C-alpha atoms as a PDB file:
ATOM      1  CA  MET A   1     -14.917 -29.587  12.482  1.00  0.00           C
ATOM      2  CA  ARG A   2     -15.742 -26.642  10.733  1.00  0.00           C
ATOM      3  CA  LYS A   3     -14.517 -23.958  11.367  1.00  0.00           C
ATOM      4  CA  THR A   4     -17.789 -21.011  12.557  1.00  0.00           C
ATOM      5  CA  GLU A   5     -18.479 -18.491  14.520  1.00  0.00           C
ATOM      6  CA  ARG A   6     -22.175 -19.273  16.011  1.00  0.00           C
ATOM      7  CA  TYR A   7     -24.363 -16.594  17.066  1.00  0.00           C
ATOM      8  CA  SER A   8     -27.463 -17.647  19.347  1.00  0.00           C
ATOM      9  CA  VAL A   9     -30.887 -15.639  18.759  1.00  0.00           C
ATOM     10  CA  LYS A  10     -33.982 -15.229  20.755  1.00  0.00           C
ATOM     11  CA  GLY A  11     -37.163 -15.616  19.328  1.00  0.00           C
ATOM     12  CA  ALA A  12     -38.145 -16.965  15.801  1.00  0.00           C
ATOM     13  CA  ASN A  13     -35.283 -18.678  13.606  1.00  0.00           C
ATOM     14  CA  SER A  14     -32.931 -17.016  12.694  1.00  0.00           C
ATOM     15  CA  LEU A  15     -33.926 -16.427   9.752  1.00  0.00           C
ATOM     16  CA  TRP A  16     -36.340 -13.935  10.600  1.00  0.00           C
ATOM     17  CA  HIS A  17     -33.232 -11.723  12.077  1.00  0.00           C
ATOM     18  CA  VAL A  18     -31.504 -11.765   8.846  1.00  0.00           C
ATOM     19  CA  TYR A  19     -31.970  -8.026   7.669  1.00  0.00           C
ATOM     20  CA  LYS A  20     -30.858  -7.802  11.744  1.00  0.00           C
ATOM     21  CA  THR A  21     -26.872  -9.424  11.001  1.00  0.00           C
ATOM     22  CA  VAL A  22     -26.972  -8.704   7.243  1.00  0.00           C
ATOM     23  CA  PRO A  23     -27.484  -5.063   5.614  1.00  0.00           C
ATOM     24  CA  PHE A  24     -30.829  -5.649   3.270  1.00  0.00           C
ATOM     25  CA  LEU A  25     -29.406  -3.444  -0.159  1.00  0.00           C
ATOM     26  CA  LYS A  26     -25.595  -5.843   0.189  1.00  0.00           C
ATOM     27  CA  VAL A  27     -28.222  -7.934   0.392  1.00  0.00           C
ATOM     28  CA  VAL A  28     -29.878  -6.632  -2.731  1.00  0.00           C
ATOM     29  CA  LYS A  29     -26.681  -5.653  -4.423  1.00  0.00           C
ATOM     30  CA  ASN A  30     -24.806  -8.627  -4.265  1.00  0.00           C
ATOM     31  CA  PHE A  31     -28.027 -10.593  -6.076  1.00  0.00           C
ATOM     32  CA  VAL A  32     -28.282  -8.820  -8.797  1.00  0.00           C
ATOM     33  CA  VAL A  33     -24.092  -9.322  -8.816  1.00  0.00           C
ATOM     34  CA  ILE A  34     -24.565 -12.997  -9.099  1.00  0.00           C
ATOM     35  CA  GLN A  35     -27.114 -13.753 -11.386  1.00  0.00           C
ATOM     36  CA  LEU A  36     -25.587 -11.078 -13.389  1.00  0.00           C
ATOM     37  CA  ALA A  37     -22.191 -13.836 -12.710  1.00  0.00           C
ATOM     38  CA  ARG A  38     -24.329 -16.873 -12.404  1.00  0.00           C
ATOM     39  CA  TYR A  39     -25.581 -16.201 -17.179  1.00  0.00           C
ATOM     40  CA  THR A  40     -22.930 -14.283 -18.515  1.00  0.00           C
ATOM     41  CA  PRO A  41     -20.968 -16.860 -20.727  1.00  0.00           C
ATOM     42  CA  PHE A  42     -17.531 -14.173 -19.845  1.00  0.00           C
ATOM     43  CA  LEU A  43     -15.284 -16.060 -16.907  1.00  0.00           C
ATOM     44  CA  GLY A  44     -13.031 -12.720 -17.145  1.00  0.00           C
ATOM     45  CA  MET A  45     -16.807 -10.416 -16.453  1.00  0.00           C
ATOM     46  CA  LYS A  46     -17.369 -12.860 -13.663  1.00  0.00           C
ATOM     47  CA  THR A  47     -14.009 -12.614 -12.095  1.00  0.00           C
ATOM     48  CA  TRP A  48     -13.854  -8.909 -12.192  1.00  0.00           C
ATOM     49  CA  LEU A  49     -17.715  -9.188 -10.963  1.00  0.00           C
ATOM     50  CA  TYR A  50     -16.806 -10.459  -7.906  1.00  0.00           C
ATOM     51  CA  ARG A  51     -13.476  -9.036  -7.254  1.00  0.00           C
ATOM     52  CA  THR A  52     -14.725  -5.858  -7.455  1.00  0.00           C
ATOM     53  CA  PHE A  53     -18.364  -4.977  -5.698  1.00  0.00           C
ATOM     54  CA  LEU A  54     -18.253  -8.836  -4.482  1.00  0.00           C
ATOM     55  CA  ARG A  55     -14.657  -7.873  -2.850  1.00  0.00           C
ATOM     56  CA  MET A  56     -14.093 -11.830  -3.020  1.00  0.00           C
ATOM     57  CA  LYS A  57     -10.164 -12.718  -3.169  1.00  0.00           C
ATOM     58  CA  VAL A  58      -9.806 -14.904  -6.892  1.00  0.00           C
ATOM     59  CA  GLY A  59      -6.646 -16.227  -8.370  1.00  0.00           C
ATOM     60  CA  ASN A  60      -5.912 -15.372 -11.721  1.00  0.00           C
ATOM     61  CA  GLN A  61      -7.163 -17.813 -14.482  1.00  0.00           C
ATOM     62  CA  THR A  62      -9.296 -19.121 -12.199  1.00  0.00           C
ATOM     63  CA  ALA A  63     -12.599 -20.396 -14.038  1.00  0.00           C
ATOM     64  CA  PHE A  64     -16.812 -20.042 -12.591  1.00  0.00           C
ATOM     65  CA  ALA A  65     -18.917 -22.469 -14.710  1.00  0.00           C
ATOM     66  CA  LEU A  66     -22.617 -20.635 -16.083  1.00  0.00           C
ATOM     67  CA  MET A  67     -24.951 -21.150 -12.688  1.00  0.00           C
ATOM     68  CA  VAL A  68     -22.723 -21.104  -9.782  1.00  0.00           C
ATOM     69  CA  MET A  69     -24.612 -19.468  -7.157  1.00  0.00           C
ATOM     70  CA  LEU A  70     -22.052 -17.579  -4.554  1.00  0.00           C
ATOM     71  CA  ASP A  71     -23.250 -16.819  -0.683  1.00  0.00           C
ATOM     72  CA  VAL A  72     -25.616 -14.295  -1.301  1.00  0.00           C
ATOM     73  CA  MET A  73     -25.164 -12.749   2.556  1.00  0.00           C
ATOM     74  CA  TYR A  74     -21.053 -12.848   2.969  1.00  0.00           C
ATOM     75  CA  PRO A  75     -19.546 -13.200  -0.624  1.00  0.00           C
ATOM     76  CA  GLU A  76     -16.808 -11.396   1.014  1.00  0.00           C
ATOM     77  CA  ARG A  77     -16.365 -14.899   2.705  1.00  0.00           C
ATOM     78  CA  ILE A  78     -15.093 -16.484   0.274  1.00  0.00           C
ATOM     79  CA  GLN A  79     -11.123 -17.458  -0.897  1.00  0.00           C
ATOM     80  CA  VAL A  80     -10.387 -18.971  -4.401  1.00  0.00           C
ATOM     81  CA  GLY A  81      -6.955 -19.189  -5.619  1.00  0.00           C
ATOM     82  CA  ARG A  82      -5.222 -19.488  -8.671  1.00  0.00           C
ATOM     83  CA  ASN A  83      -6.317 -21.771 -11.369  1.00  0.00           C
ATOM     84  CA  THR A  84      -9.435 -23.592 -10.044  1.00  0.00           C
ATOM     85  CA  VAL A  85     -12.668 -24.164 -12.366  1.00  0.00           C
ATOM     86  CA  ILE A  86     -15.596 -24.218  -9.958  1.00  0.00           C
ATOM     87  CA  GLY A  87     -17.677 -26.450 -12.173  1.00  0.00           C
ATOM     88  CA  TYR A  88     -21.849 -26.220 -13.346  1.00  0.00           C
ATOM     89  CA  ASN A  89     -24.475 -25.590 -10.570  1.00  0.00           C
ATOM     90  CA  THR A  90     -21.729 -25.504  -7.369  1.00  0.00           C
ATOM     91  CA  THR A  91     -23.269 -24.110  -4.661  1.00  0.00           C
ATOM     92  CA  ILE A  92     -20.754 -21.808  -1.488  1.00  0.00           C
ATOM     93  CA  LEU A  93     -22.150 -21.340   1.162  1.00  0.00           C
ATOM     94  CA  ALA A  94     -20.662 -18.509   3.655  1.00  0.00           C
ATOM     95  CA  HIS A  95     -23.557 -18.663   6.622  1.00  0.00           C
ATOM     96  CA  GLU A  96     -26.107 -21.194   7.618  1.00  0.00           C
ATOM     97  CA  TYR A  97     -29.556 -20.266   9.766  1.00  0.00           C
ATOM     98  CA  LEU A  98     -30.757 -22.246  11.906  1.00  0.00           C
ATOM     99  CA  ILE A  99     -33.505 -22.723  14.570  1.00  0.00           C
ATOM    100  CA  GLU A 100     -31.604 -21.004  17.457  1.00  0.00           C
ATOM    101  CA  GLU A 101     -28.277 -19.793  15.972  1.00  0.00           C
ATOM    102  CA  TYR A 102     -26.786 -18.702  12.226  1.00  0.00           C
ATOM    103  CA  ARG A 103     -23.547 -19.143  12.011  1.00  0.00           C
ATOM    104  CA  LEU A 104     -20.939 -17.521   9.538  1.00  0.00           C
ATOM    105  CA  GLY A 105     -17.618 -19.427   8.362  1.00  0.00           C
ATOM    106  CA  ASP A 106     -14.755 -18.228   5.707  1.00  0.00           C
ATOM    107  CA  VAL A 107     -14.901 -20.740   3.629  1.00  0.00           C
ATOM    108  CA  ILE A 108     -10.707 -20.909   1.336  1.00  0.00           C
ATOM    109  CA  ILE A 109     -10.519 -23.073  -1.882  1.00  0.00           C
ATOM    110  CA  GLY A 110      -7.284 -23.104  -3.061  1.00  0.00           C
ATOM    111  CA  ASP A 111      -5.236 -23.128  -6.179  1.00  0.00           C
ATOM    112  CA  GLU A 112      -5.258 -25.923  -8.858  1.00  0.00           C
ATOM    113  CA  VAL A 113      -8.306 -27.199  -7.473  1.00  0.00           C
ATOM    114  CA  MET A 114     -10.932 -29.256  -9.612  1.00  0.00           C
ATOM    115  CA  ILE A 115     -14.984 -28.604  -7.622  1.00  0.00           C
ATOM    116  CA  GLY A 116     -17.325 -30.697  -9.646  1.00  0.00           C
ATOM    117  CA  ALA A 117     -20.660 -29.525 -10.575  1.00  0.00           C
ATOM    118  CA  ASN A 118     -23.952 -30.122  -9.068  1.00  0.00           C
ATOM    119  CA  SER A 119     -21.334 -29.364  -5.216  1.00  0.00           C
ATOM    120  CA  THR A 120     -22.246 -27.565  -2.401  1.00  0.00           C
ATOM    121  CA  ILE A 121     -19.834 -26.181  -0.290  1.00  0.00           C
ATOM    122  CA  LEU A 122     -21.028 -25.434   3.175  1.00  0.00           C
ATOM    123  CA  PRO A 123     -18.760 -22.317   5.439  1.00  0.00           C
ATOM    124  CA  GLY A 124     -15.763 -22.929   7.746  1.00  0.00           C
ATOM    125  CA  VAL A 125     -14.573 -25.766   4.660  1.00  0.00           C
ATOM    126  CA  GLU A 126     -10.552 -25.316   3.143  1.00  0.00           C
ATOM    127  CA  ILE A 127     -10.287 -27.504   0.398  1.00  0.00           C
ATOM    128  CA  GLY A 128      -6.613 -27.546  -0.506  1.00  0.00           C
ATOM    129  CA  ASP A 129      -4.014 -27.026  -3.370  1.00  0.00           C
ATOM    130  CA  GLY A 130      -4.507 -29.037  -6.210  1.00  0.00           C
ATOM    131  CA  ALA A 131      -7.818 -30.875  -4.398  1.00  0.00           C
ATOM    132  CA  ILE A 132     -10.981 -32.861  -6.383  1.00  0.00           C
ATOM    133  CA  VAL A 133     -14.394 -32.507  -5.389  1.00  0.00           C
ATOM    134  CA  SER A 134     -16.226 -34.886  -7.456  1.00  0.00           C
ATOM    135  CA  ALA A 135     -19.733 -33.596  -8.570  1.00  0.00           C
ATOM    136  CA  GLY A 136     -23.022 -33.925  -6.939  1.00  0.00           C
ATOM    137  CA  THR A 137     -20.828 -34.196  -2.823  1.00  0.00           C
ATOM    138  CA  LEU A 138     -21.475 -31.700  -0.153  1.00  0.00           C
ATOM    139  CA  VAL A 139     -18.134 -30.416   1.257  1.00  0.00           C
ATOM    140  CA  HIS A 140     -19.035 -30.624   5.405  1.00  0.00           C
ATOM    141  CA  LYS A 141     -15.488 -30.981   6.474  1.00  0.00           C
ATOM    142  CA  ASP A 142     -12.305 -29.490   4.489  1.00  0.00           C
ATOM    143  CA  VAL A 143     -10.754 -31.332   2.726  1.00  0.00           C
ATOM    144  CA  PRO A 144      -7.148 -32.048   2.701  1.00  0.00           C
ATOM    145  CA  ARG A 145      -4.275 -30.515  -0.786  1.00  0.00           C
ATOM    146  CA  GLY A 146      -4.519 -33.122  -3.683  1.00  0.00           C
ATOM    147  CA  THR A 147      -7.207 -35.762  -1.829  1.00  0.00           C
ATOM    148  CA  PHE A 148      -9.642 -37.247  -4.645  1.00  0.00           C
ATOM    149  CA  VAL A 149     -13.336 -36.243  -2.378  1.00  0.00           C
ATOM    150  CA  GLY A 150     -16.798 -37.603  -3.421  1.00  0.00           C
ATOM    151  CA  GLY A 151     -19.930 -38.644  -2.289  1.00  0.00           C
ATOM    152  CA  ASN A 152     -22.938 -37.601   0.072  1.00  0.00           C
ATOM    153  CA  PRO A 153     -21.759 -37.826   3.049  1.00  0.00           C
ATOM    154  CA  MET A 154     -18.241 -36.995   1.674  1.00  0.00           C
ATOM    155  CA  LYS A 155     -15.515 -38.805   1.558  1.00  0.00           C
ATOM    156  CA  VAL A 156     -11.783 -39.499   0.850  1.00  0.00           C
ATOM    157  CA  ILE A 157     -12.027 -41.300  -2.374  1.00  0.00           C
ATOM    158  CA  TYR A 158      -7.841 -40.848  -3.199  1.00  0.00           C
ATOM    159  CA  THR A 159      -5.258 -39.797  -1.020  1.00  0.00           C
ATOM    160  CA  LYS A 160      -2.749 -37.859  -2.194  1.00  0.00           C
ATOM    161  CA  ALA A 161      -0.775 -40.404  -2.124  1.00  0.00           C
ATOM    162  CA  GLU A 162      -2.643 -42.544  -3.812  1.00  0.00           C
ATOM    163  CA  MET A 163      -3.790 -39.947  -6.414  1.00  0.00           C
ATOM    164  CA  ASP A 164       0.573 -38.787  -7.364  1.00  0.00           C
ATOM    165  CA  GLU A 165       0.524 -42.605  -7.327  1.00  0.00           C
ATOM    166  CA  ARG A 166      -2.024 -43.117  -9.918  1.00  0.00           C
ATOM    167  CA  ARG A 167      -0.978 -40.353 -12.139  1.00  0.00           C
ATOM    168  CA  LYS A 168       2.899 -42.078 -12.815  1.00  0.00           C
ATOM    169  CA  HIS A 169       1.552 -44.993 -14.191  1.00  0.00           C
ATOM    170  CA  ASP A 170      -1.825 -42.562 -16.471  1.00  0.00           C
ATOM    171  CA  ASP A 171      -0.471 -42.434 -20.145  1.00  0.00           C
ATOM    172  CA  PHE A 172      -2.857 -39.248 -20.702  1.00  0.00           C
ATOM    173  CA  PHE A 173      -1.592 -37.511 -17.636  1.00  0.00           C
ATOM    174  CA  LYS A 174       1.874 -38.508 -18.506  1.00  0.00           C
ATOM    175  CA  ALA A 175       1.824 -37.612 -22.094  1.00  0.00           C
ATOM    176  CA  SER A 176       0.012 -33.361 -20.934  1.00  0.00           C
ATOM    177  CA  VAL A 177       3.453 -33.325 -19.150  1.00  0.00           C
ATOM    178  CA  LYS A 178       5.357 -34.235 -21.787  1.00  0.00           C
ATOM    179  CA  ARG A 179       3.475 -30.997 -23.671  1.00  0.00           C
END
């Protein structure tokens, strides 16, 4: 189960109430910063923009690929650990506006996580250290540390124990560890 806060609305769907829930100028500023970062090829600049203007917690050596789309309304609710890769065109949401309510939830991505291209991470999700998310995955629940997940709906492909066993027998991994 995702960890989200729920807020009910009356009348029109919750998106019609958007600027009652988040200031318009904050959304404009976040949009400009996110669009600049989406297109810049400079990883250090992206991280600086996110930390400085969006108040995100981003670990050292973390890399956001081109076209990553962060939550425009609540990017400060996204936390990414150290030495993590966020793949091309991934979307990370910290909010969802529904018909009768809207929900907010922190997204916590651990250290040394690999998020494949074109993935979508929903609000209130935690992805543990060393996890791998296959390309095109809808992350709709927590991912335990060291687990390899993929698909829509997301399923566990390999548990941490299975991944550790595979690495023991993988010649490429053994060679890279020796370096």
